Amino acid sequence: MDYLDLYLIHWPISMKPGPKTFPLNRDKVMPLDLKGVWEAIEECQKLGLPRSIGVSNFTTKKLEELLQFAKIPPAVNQDEMNPAWQQ
């Protein structure tokens, strides 16, 4: 593979090592080093690896936090919309 079309931070959280269970157990969730992770993703884009970078499942508050230091703003905030949730 030569490149990715889009590289995302899928969730604005980090998990402690170990088996993952769903729904998430709050005691296994840790804060995400958002600034450090975003800087690494920006570097990947500068190297030409992904064409675009973005986030997924970010709240408005998390997006505002990211935009305080992002040199490259996210191209997308991918959000799932499940038709079953609309009923």
PDB file of N, CA and C in Angstrom:
ATOM      1  N   MET A   1       0.848  -1.157   0.000  1.00  0.00           N
ATOM      2  CA  MET A   1       0.000   0.000   0.000  1.00  0.00           C
ATOM      3  C   MET A   1       0.906   1.236   0.000  1.00  0.00           C
ATOM      4  N   ASP A   2       0.596   2.187  -0.850  1.00  0.00           N
ATOM      5  CA  ASP A   2       1.405   3.399  -0.960  1.00  0.00           C
ATOM      6  C   ASP A   2       0.886   4.549  -0.110  1.00  0.00           C
ATOM      7  N   TYR A   3      -0.421   4.586   0.141  1.00  0.00           N
ATOM      8  CA  TYR A   3      -1.006   5.684   0.909  1.00  0.00           C
ATOM      9  C   TYR A   3      -2.380   5.269   1.413  1.00  0.00           C
ATOM     10  N   LEU A   4      -2.919   6.065   2.317  1.00  0.00           N
ATOM     11  CA  LEU A   4      -4.303   5.923   2.788  1.00  0.00           C
ATOM     12  C   LEU A   4      -5.083   7.143   2.328  1.00  0.00           C
ATOM     13  N   ASP A   5      -6.348   6.968   2.026  1.00  0.00           N
ATOM     14  CA  ASP A   5      -7.195   8.128   1.706  1.00  0.00           C
ATOM     15  C   ASP A   5      -7.472   8.949   2.958  1.00  0.00           C
ATOM     16  N   LEU A   6      -7.723   8.262   4.091  1.00  0.00           N
ATOM     17  CA  LEU A   6      -8.103   8.956   5.312  1.00  0.00           C
ATOM     18  C   LEU A   6      -7.586   8.191   6.519  1.00  0.00           C
ATOM     19  N   TYR A   7      -6.949   8.904   7.440  1.00  0.00           N
ATOM     20  CA  TYR A   7      -6.433   8.330   8.682  1.00  0.00           C
ATOM     21  C   TYR A   7      -7.152   9.032   9.827  1.00  0.00           C
ATOM     22  N   LEU A   8      -7.804   8.251  10.711  1.00  0.00           N
ATOM     23  CA  LEU A   8      -8.661   8.803  11.758  1.00  0.00           C
ATOM     24  C   LEU A   8      -8.205   8.419  13.157  1.00  0.00           C
ATOM     25  N   ILE A   9      -8.500   9.305  14.116  1.00  0.00           N
ATOM     26  CA  ILE A   9      -8.561   8.911  15.518  1.00  0.00           C
ATOM     27  C   ILE A   9     -10.003   8.440  15.687  1.00  0.00           C
ATOM     28  N   HIS A  10     -10.194   7.157  15.977  1.00  0.00           N
ATOM     29  CA  HIS A  10     -11.547   6.599  15.972  1.00  0.00           C
ATOM     30  C   HIS A  10     -12.375   7.030  17.183  1.00  0.00           C
ATOM     31  N   TRP A  11     -11.791   7.050  18.360  1.00  0.00           N
ATOM     32  CA  TRP A  11     -12.471   7.498  19.579  1.00  0.00           C
ATOM     33  C   TRP A  11     -11.526   8.417  20.338  1.00  0.00           C
ATOM     34  N   PRO A  12     -12.017   9.461  20.987  1.00  0.00           N
ATOM     35  CA  PRO A  12     -11.127  10.355  21.746  1.00  0.00           C
ATOM     36  C   PRO A  12     -10.838   9.815  23.146  1.00  0.00           C
ATOM     37  N   ILE A  13     -10.521   8.516  23.234  1.00  0.00           N
ATOM     38  CA  ILE A  13     -10.181   7.888  24.509  1.00  0.00           C
ATOM     39  C   ILE A  13      -9.020   6.926  24.290  1.00  0.00           C
ATOM     40  N   SER A  14      -8.445   6.470  25.388  1.00  0.00           N
ATOM     41  CA  SER A  14      -7.405   5.454  25.361  1.00  0.00           C
ATOM     42  C   SER A  14      -7.815   4.367  26.346  1.00  0.00           C
ATOM     43  N   MET A  15      -7.435   3.146  26.065  1.00  0.00           N
ATOM     44  CA  MET A  15      -7.807   2.020  26.925  1.00  0.00           C
ATOM     45  C   MET A  15      -6.565   1.433  27.591  1.00  0.00           C
ATOM     46  N   LYS A  16      -6.722   0.988  28.827  1.00  0.00           N
ATOM     47  CA  LYS A  16      -5.651   0.271  29.510  1.00  0.00           C
ATOM     48  C   LYS A  16      -5.395  -1.037  28.774  1.00  0.00           C
ATOM     49  N   PRO A  17      -4.152  -1.543  28.822  1.00  0.00           N
ATOM     50  CA  PRO A  17      -3.858  -2.817  28.164  1.00  0.00           C
ATOM     51  C   PRO A  17      -4.726  -3.940  28.722  1.00  0.00           C
ATOM     52  N   GLY A  18      -4.986  -4.918  27.901  1.00  0.00           N
ATOM     53  CA  GLY A  18      -5.767  -6.073  28.316  1.00  0.00           C
ATOM     54  C   GLY A  18      -6.921  -6.321  27.373  1.00  0.00           C
ATOM     55  N   PRO A  19      -7.697  -7.353  27.653  1.00  0.00           N
ATOM     56  CA  PRO A  19      -8.837  -7.680  26.794  1.00  0.00           C
ATOM     57  C   PRO A  19      -9.849  -6.541  26.746  1.00  0.00           C
ATOM     58  N   LYS A  20     -10.390  -6.321  25.597  1.00  0.00           N
ATOM     59  CA  LYS A  20     -11.405  -5.273  25.412  1.00  0.00           C
ATOM     60  C   LYS A  20     -12.792  -5.898  25.484  1.00  0.00           C
ATOM     61  N   THR A  21     -13.650  -5.320  26.274  1.00  0.00           N
ATOM     62  CA  THR A  21     -15.023  -5.784  26.371  1.00  0.00           C
ATOM     63  C   THR A  21     -15.949  -4.619  26.058  1.00  0.00           C
ATOM     64  N   PHE A  22     -17.098  -4.935  25.493  1.00  0.00           N
ATOM     65  CA  PHE A  22     -18.082  -3.921  25.172  1.00  0.00           C
ATOM     66  C   PHE A  22     -19.400  -4.308  25.805  1.00  0.00           C
ATOM     67  N   PRO A  23     -20.117  -3.409  26.414  1.00  0.00           N
ATOM     68  CA  PRO A  23     -19.787  -1.989  26.490  1.00  0.00           C
ATOM     69  C   PRO A  23     -18.528  -1.758  27.317  1.00  0.00           C
ATOM     70  N   LEU A  24     -17.908  -0.602  27.073  1.00  0.00           N
ATOM     71  CA  LEU A  24     -16.664  -0.258  27.753  1.00  0.00           C
ATOM     72  C   LEU A  24     -16.864  -0.158  29.257  1.00  0.00           C
ATOM     73  N   ASN A  25     -15.915  -0.677  29.980  1.00  0.00           N
ATOM     74  CA  ASN A  25     -15.897  -0.566  31.427  1.00  0.00           C
ATOM     75  C   ASN A  25     -15.124   0.700  31.771  1.00  0.00           C
ATOM     76  N   ARG A  26     -15.751   1.645  32.445  1.00  0.00           N
ATOM     77  CA  ARG A  26     -15.142   2.955  32.710  1.00  0.00           C
ATOM     78  C   ARG A  26     -13.787   2.873  33.417  1.00  0.00           C
ATOM     79  N   ASP A  27     -13.560   1.843  34.225  1.00  0.00           N
ATOM     80  CA  ASP A  27     -12.274   1.760  34.929  1.00  0.00           C
ATOM     81  C   ASP A  27     -11.134   1.360  34.001  1.00  0.00           C
ATOM     82  N   LYS A  28     -11.446   0.972  32.756  1.00  0.00           N
ATOM     83  CA  LYS A  28     -10.403   0.634  31.783  1.00  0.00           C
ATOM     84  C   LYS A  28     -10.093   1.797  30.828  1.00  0.00           C
ATOM     85  N   VAL A  29     -10.862   2.878  30.937  1.00  0.00           N
ATOM     86  CA  VAL A  29     -10.676   4.033  30.056  1.00  0.00           C
ATOM     87  C   VAL A  29      -9.673   4.995  30.683  1.00  0.00           C
ATOM     88  N   MET A  30      -8.746   5.489  29.852  1.00  0.00           N
ATOM     89  CA  MET A  30      -7.737   6.450  30.292  1.00  0.00           C
ATOM     90  C   MET A  30      -7.827   7.693  29.407  1.00  0.00           C
ATOM     91  N   PRO A  31      -7.325   8.827  29.882  1.00  0.00           N
ATOM     92  CA  PRO A  31      -7.302  10.019  29.024  1.00  0.00           C
ATOM     93  C   PRO A  31      -6.396   9.794  27.813  1.00  0.00           C
ATOM     94  N   LEU A  32      -6.779  10.363  26.712  1.00  0.00           N
ATOM     95  CA  LEU A  32      -5.994  10.291  25.480  1.00  0.00           C
ATOM     96  C   LEU A  32      -5.057  11.488  25.417  1.00  0.00           C
ATOM     97  N   ASP A  33      -3.798  11.253  25.063  1.00  0.00           N
ATOM     98  CA  ASP A  33      -2.855  12.341  24.814  1.00  0.00           C
ATOM     99  C   ASP A  33      -3.185  12.913  23.434  1.00  0.00           C
ATOM    100  N   LEU A  34      -4.280  13.660  23.367  1.00  0.00           N
ATOM    101  CA  LEU A  34      -4.789  14.148  22.089  1.00  0.00           C
ATOM    102  C   LEU A  34      -3.762  14.974  21.337  1.00  0.00           C
ATOM    103  N   LYS A  35      -3.072  15.857  22.035  1.00  0.00           N
ATOM    104  CA  LYS A  35      -2.075  16.704  21.365  1.00  0.00           C
ATOM    105  C   LYS A  35      -0.956  15.856  20.764  1.00  0.00           C
ATOM    106  N   GLY A  36      -0.433  14.911  21.534  1.00  0.00           N
ATOM    107  CA  GLY A  36       0.646  14.062  21.043  1.00  0.00           C
ATOM    108  C   GLY A  36       0.216  13.185  19.877  1.00  0.00           C
ATOM    109  N   VAL A  37      -0.976  12.620  19.978  1.00  0.00           N
ATOM    110  CA  VAL A  37      -1.481  11.757  18.908  1.00  0.00           C
ATOM    111  C   VAL A  37      -1.728  12.581  17.644  1.00  0.00           C
ATOM    112  N   TRP A  38      -2.336  13.770  17.806  1.00  0.00           N
ATOM    113  CA  TRP A  38      -2.628  14.589  16.620  1.00  0.00           C
ATOM    114  C   TRP A  38      -1.339  15.063  15.951  1.00  0.00           C
ATOM    115  N   GLU A  39      -0.338  15.431  16.732  1.00  0.00           N
ATOM    116  CA  GLU A  39       0.942  15.839  16.145  1.00  0.00           C
ATOM    117  C   GLU A  39       1.552  14.698  15.332  1.00  0.00           C
ATOM    118  N   ALA A  40       1.438  13.466  15.826  1.00  0.00           N
ATOM    119  CA  ALA A  40       1.959  12.307  15.091  1.00  0.00           C
ATOM    120  C   ALA A  40       1.184  12.089  13.786  1.00  0.00           C
ATOM    121  N   ILE A  41      -0.144  12.265  13.839  1.00  0.00           N
ATOM    122  CA  ILE A  41      -0.955  12.110  12.629  1.00  0.00           C
ATOM    123  C   ILE A  41      -0.634  13.209  11.619  1.00  0.00           C
ATOM    124  N   GLU A  42      -0.440  14.441  12.110  1.00  0.00           N
ATOM    125  CA  GLU A  42      -0.045  15.535  11.202  1.00  0.00           C
ATOM    126  C   GLU A  42       1.283  15.211  10.529  1.00  0.00           C
ATOM    127  N   GLU A  43       2.227  14.649  11.275  1.00  0.00           N
ATOM    128  CA  GLU A  43       3.528  14.283  10.703  1.00  0.00           C
ATOM    129  C   GLU A  43       3.353  13.219   9.618  1.00  0.00           C
ATOM    130  N   CYS A  44       2.475  12.250   9.858  1.00  0.00           N
ATOM    131  CA  CYS A  44       2.196  11.237   8.840  1.00  0.00           C
ATOM    132  C   CYS A  44       1.692  11.895   7.556  1.00  0.00           C
ATOM    133  N   GLN A  45       0.791  12.886   7.700  1.00  0.00           N
ATOM    134  CA  GLN A  45       0.271  13.549   6.500  1.00  0.00           C
ATOM    135  C   GLN A  45       1.367  14.353   5.808  1.00  0.00           C
ATOM    136  N   LYS A  46       2.222  15.000   6.583  1.00  0.00           N
ATOM    137  CA  LYS A  46       3.329  15.755   5.979  1.00  0.00           C
ATOM    138  C   LYS A  46       4.249  14.838   5.172  1.00  0.00           C
ATOM    139  N   LEU A  47       4.355  13.584   5.601  1.00  0.00           N
ATOM    140  CA  LEU A  47       5.169  12.596   4.886  1.00  0.00           C
ATOM    141  C   LEU A  47       4.442  12.028   3.667  1.00  0.00           C
ATOM    142  N   GLY A  48       3.174  12.407   3.496  1.00  0.00           N
ATOM    143  CA  GLY A  48       2.402  11.964   2.339  1.00  0.00           C
ATOM    144  C   GLY A  48       1.778  10.590   2.486  1.00  0.00           C
ATOM    145  N   LEU A  49       1.711  10.060   3.700  1.00  0.00           N
ATOM    146  CA  LEU A  49       1.155   8.716   3.896  1.00  0.00           C
ATOM    147  C   LEU A  49      -0.367   8.712   3.800  1.00  0.00           C
ATOM    148  N   PRO A  50      -1.113   9.510   4.587  1.00  0.00           N
ATOM    149  CA  PRO A  50      -2.548   9.626   4.322  1.00  0.00           C
ATOM    150  C   PRO A  50      -2.822  10.907   3.534  1.00  0.00           C
ATOM    151  N   ARG A  51      -3.798  10.847   2.648  1.00  0.00           N
ATOM    152  CA  ARG A  51      -4.178  12.058   1.900  1.00  0.00           C
ATOM    153  C   ARG A  51      -4.904  13.043   2.802  1.00  0.00           C
ATOM    154  N   SER A  52      -5.708  12.508   3.730  1.00  0.00           N
ATOM    155  CA  SER A  52      -6.461  13.358   4.660  1.00  0.00           C
ATOM    156  C   SER A  52      -6.377  12.758   6.055  1.00  0.00           C
ATOM    157  N   ILE A  53      -6.549  13.620   7.052  1.00  0.00           N
ATOM    158  CA  ILE A  53      -6.579  13.165   8.440  1.00  0.00           C
ATOM    159  C   ILE A  53      -7.854  13.686   9.083  1.00  0.00           C
ATOM    160  N   GLY A  54      -8.342  12.936  10.068  1.00  0.00           N
ATOM    161  CA  GLY A  54      -9.582  13.359  10.696  1.00  0.00           C
ATOM    162  C   GLY A  54      -9.834  12.636  12.000  1.00  0.00           C
ATOM    163  N   VAL A  55     -11.048  12.777  12.468  1.00  0.00           N
ATOM    164  CA  VAL A  55     -11.459  12.183  13.740  1.00  0.00           C
ATOM    165  C   VAL A  55     -12.804  11.493  13.543  1.00  0.00           C
ATOM    166  N   SER A  56     -13.162  10.700  14.534  1.00  0.00           N
ATOM    167  CA  SER A  56     -14.437  10.005  14.514  1.00  0.00           C
ATOM    168  C   SER A  56     -14.990   9.995  15.935  1.00  0.00           C
ATOM    169  N   ASN A  57     -16.277  10.213  16.056  1.00  0.00           N
ATOM    170  CA  ASN A  57     -16.959  10.170  17.349  1.00  0.00           C
ATOM    171  C   ASN A  57     -16.485  11.251  18.323  1.00  0.00           C
ATOM    172  N   PHE A  58     -16.072  12.402  17.829  1.00  0.00           N
ATOM    173  CA  PHE A  58     -15.649  13.513  18.678  1.00  0.00           C
ATOM    174  C   PHE A  58     -16.839  14.408  18.971  1.00  0.00           C
ATOM    175  N   THR A  59     -16.969  14.839  20.210  1.00  0.00           N
ATOM    176  CA  THR A  59     -17.988  15.809  20.581  1.00  0.00           C
ATOM    177  C   THR A  59     -17.519  17.200  20.143  1.00  0.00           C
ATOM    178  N   THR A  60     -18.417  18.159  20.203  1.00  0.00           N
ATOM    179  CA  THR A  60     -18.038  19.539  19.899  1.00  0.00           C
ATOM    180  C   THR A  60     -16.932  19.999  20.833  1.00  0.00           C
ATOM    181  N   LYS A  61     -17.031  19.653  22.107  1.00  0.00           N
ATOM    182  CA  LYS A  61     -16.019  20.034  23.094  1.00  0.00           C
ATOM    183  C   LYS A  61     -14.648  19.464  22.729  1.00  0.00           C
ATOM    184  N   LYS A  62     -14.592  18.185  22.318  1.00  0.00           N
ATOM    185  CA  LYS A  62     -13.316  17.565  21.939  1.00  0.00           C
ATOM    186  C   LYS A  62     -12.761  18.199  20.666  1.00  0.00           C
ATOM    187  N   LEU A  63     -13.636  18.539  19.715  1.00  0.00           N
ATOM    188  CA  LEU A  63     -13.177  19.211  18.499  1.00  0.00           C
ATOM    189  C   LEU A  63     -12.593  20.584  18.823  1.00  0.00           C
ATOM    190  N   GLU A  64     -13.256  21.324  19.718  1.00  0.00           N
ATOM    191  CA  GLU A  64     -12.740  22.634  20.121  1.00  0.00           C
ATOM    192  C   GLU A  64     -11.366  22.492  20.774  1.00  0.00           C
ATOM    193  N   GLU A  65     -11.194  21.464  21.611  1.00  0.00           N
ATOM    194  CA  GLU A  65      -9.894  21.214  22.246  1.00  0.00           C
ATOM    195  C   GLU A  65      -8.831  20.941  21.186  1.00  0.00           C
ATOM    196  N   LEU A  66      -9.148  20.086  20.219  1.00  0.00           N
ATOM    197  CA  LEU A  66      -8.210  19.745  19.152  1.00  0.00           C
ATOM    198  C   LEU A  66      -7.822  20.973  18.330  1.00  0.00           C
ATOM    199  N   LEU A  67      -8.786  21.802  18.016  1.00  0.00           N
ATOM    200  CA  LEU A  67      -8.514  22.969  17.169  1.00  0.00           C
ATOM    201  C   LEU A  67      -7.652  24.030  17.863  1.00  0.00           C
ATOM    202  N   GLN A  68      -7.507  23.939  19.176  1.00  0.00           N
ATOM    203  CA  GLN A  68      -6.649  24.878  19.899  1.00  0.00           C
ATOM    204  C   GLN A  68      -5.173  24.708  19.524  1.00  0.00           C
ATOM    205  N   PHE A  69      -4.769  23.495  19.119  1.00  0.00           N
ATOM    206  CA  PHE A  69      -3.350  23.251  18.826  1.00  0.00           C
ATOM    207  C   PHE A  69      -3.098  22.628  17.450  1.00  0.00           C
ATOM    208  N   ALA A  70      -4.130  22.205  16.754  1.00  0.00           N
ATOM    209  CA  ALA A  70      -3.945  21.548  15.450  1.00  0.00           C
ATOM    210  C   ALA A  70      -3.352  22.521  14.441  1.00  0.00           C
ATOM    211  N   LYS A  71      -2.274  22.100  13.800  1.00  0.00           N
ATOM    212  CA  LYS A  71      -1.712  22.880  12.695  1.00  0.00           C
ATOM    213  C   LYS A  71      -2.459  22.547  11.399  1.00  0.00           C
ATOM    214  N   ILE A  72      -2.929  21.291  11.314  1.00  0.00           N
ATOM    215  CA  ILE A  72      -3.756  20.844  10.194  1.00  0.00           C
ATOM    216  C   ILE A  72      -5.108  20.462  10.794  1.00  0.00           C
ATOM    217  N   PRO A  73      -6.181  21.159  10.451  1.00  0.00           N
ATOM    218  CA  PRO A  73      -7.486  20.810  11.032  1.00  0.00           C
ATOM    219  C   PRO A  73      -7.982  19.478  10.469  1.00  0.00           C
ATOM    220  N   PRO A  74      -8.801  18.758  11.232  1.00  0.00           N
ATOM    221  CA  PRO A  74      -9.330  17.495  10.717  1.00  0.00           C
ATOM    222  C   PRO A  74     -10.215  17.737   9.500  1.00  0.00           C
ATOM    223  N   ALA A  75     -10.074  16.858   8.513  1.00  0.00           N
ATOM    224  CA  ALA A  75     -10.884  16.970   7.300  1.00  0.00           C
ATOM    225  C   ALA A  75     -12.315  16.517   7.555  1.00  0.00           C
ATOM    226  N   VAL A  76     -12.491  15.592   8.500  1.00  0.00           N
ATOM    227  CA  VAL A  76     -13.821  15.056   8.794  1.00  0.00           C
ATOM    228  C   VAL A  76     -13.945  14.742  10.276  1.00  0.00           C
ATOM    229  N   ASN A  77     -15.194  14.698  10.750  1.00  0.00           N
ATOM    230  CA  ASN A  77     -15.547  14.093  12.026  1.00  0.00           C
ATOM    231  C   ASN A  77     -16.595  13.045  11.664  1.00  0.00           C
ATOM    232  N   GLN A  78     -16.122  11.833  11.452  1.00  0.00           N
ATOM    233  CA  GLN A  78     -17.012  10.737  11.061  1.00  0.00           C
ATOM    234  C   GLN A  78     -17.873  10.354  12.258  1.00  0.00           C
ATOM    235  N   ASP A  79     -19.172  10.278  12.041  1.00  0.00           N
ATOM    236  CA  ASP A  79     -20.086   9.957  13.117  1.00  0.00           C
ATOM    237  C   ASP A  79     -21.070   8.919  12.607  1.00  0.00           C
ATOM    238  N   GLU A  80     -21.278   7.868  13.377  1.00  0.00           N
ATOM    239  CA  GLU A  80     -22.196   6.813  12.964  1.00  0.00           C
ATOM    240  C   GLU A  80     -23.632   7.233  13.234  1.00  0.00           C
ATOM    241  N   MET A  81     -24.482   6.968  12.270  1.00  0.00           N
ATOM    242  CA  MET A  81     -25.908   7.212  12.444  1.00  0.00           C
ATOM    243  C   MET A  81     -26.609   5.900  12.138  1.00  0.00           C
ATOM    244  N   ASN A  82     -27.110   5.267  13.160  1.00  0.00           N
ATOM    245  CA  ASN A  82     -27.764   3.977  13.011  1.00  0.00           C
ATOM    246  C   ASN A  82     -29.265   4.212  12.921  1.00  0.00           C
ATOM    247  N   PRO A  83     -29.906   3.751  11.817  1.00  0.00           N
ATOM    248  CA  PRO A  83     -31.348   3.974  11.668  1.00  0.00           C
ATOM    249  C   PRO A  83     -32.173   3.468  12.854  1.00  0.00           C
ATOM    250  N   ALA A  84     -31.706   2.419  13.520  1.00  0.00           N
ATOM    251  CA  ALA A  84     -32.447   1.886  14.673  1.00  0.00           C
ATOM    252  C   ALA A  84     -32.514   2.883  15.798  1.00  0.00           C
ATOM    253  N   TRP A  85     -31.544   3.800  15.869  1.00  0.00           N
ATOM    254  CA  TRP A  85     -31.527   4.816  16.923  1.00  0.00           C
ATOM    255  C   TRP A  85     -32.571   5.894  16.685  1.00  0.00           C
ATOM    256  N   GLN A  86     -33.092   5.966  15.482  1.00  0.00           N
ATOM    257  CA  GLN A  86     -34.049   7.019  15.127  1.00  0.00           C
ATOM    258  C   GLN A  86     -35.473   6.686  15.547  1.00  0.00           C
ATOM    259  N   GLN A  87     -35.717   5.459  15.959  1.00  0.00           N
ATOM    260  CA  GLN A  87     -37.081   5.041  16.301  1.00  0.00           C
ATOM    261  C   GLN A  87     -37.429   5.340  17.725  1.00  0.00           C
TER     262      GLN A  87
END
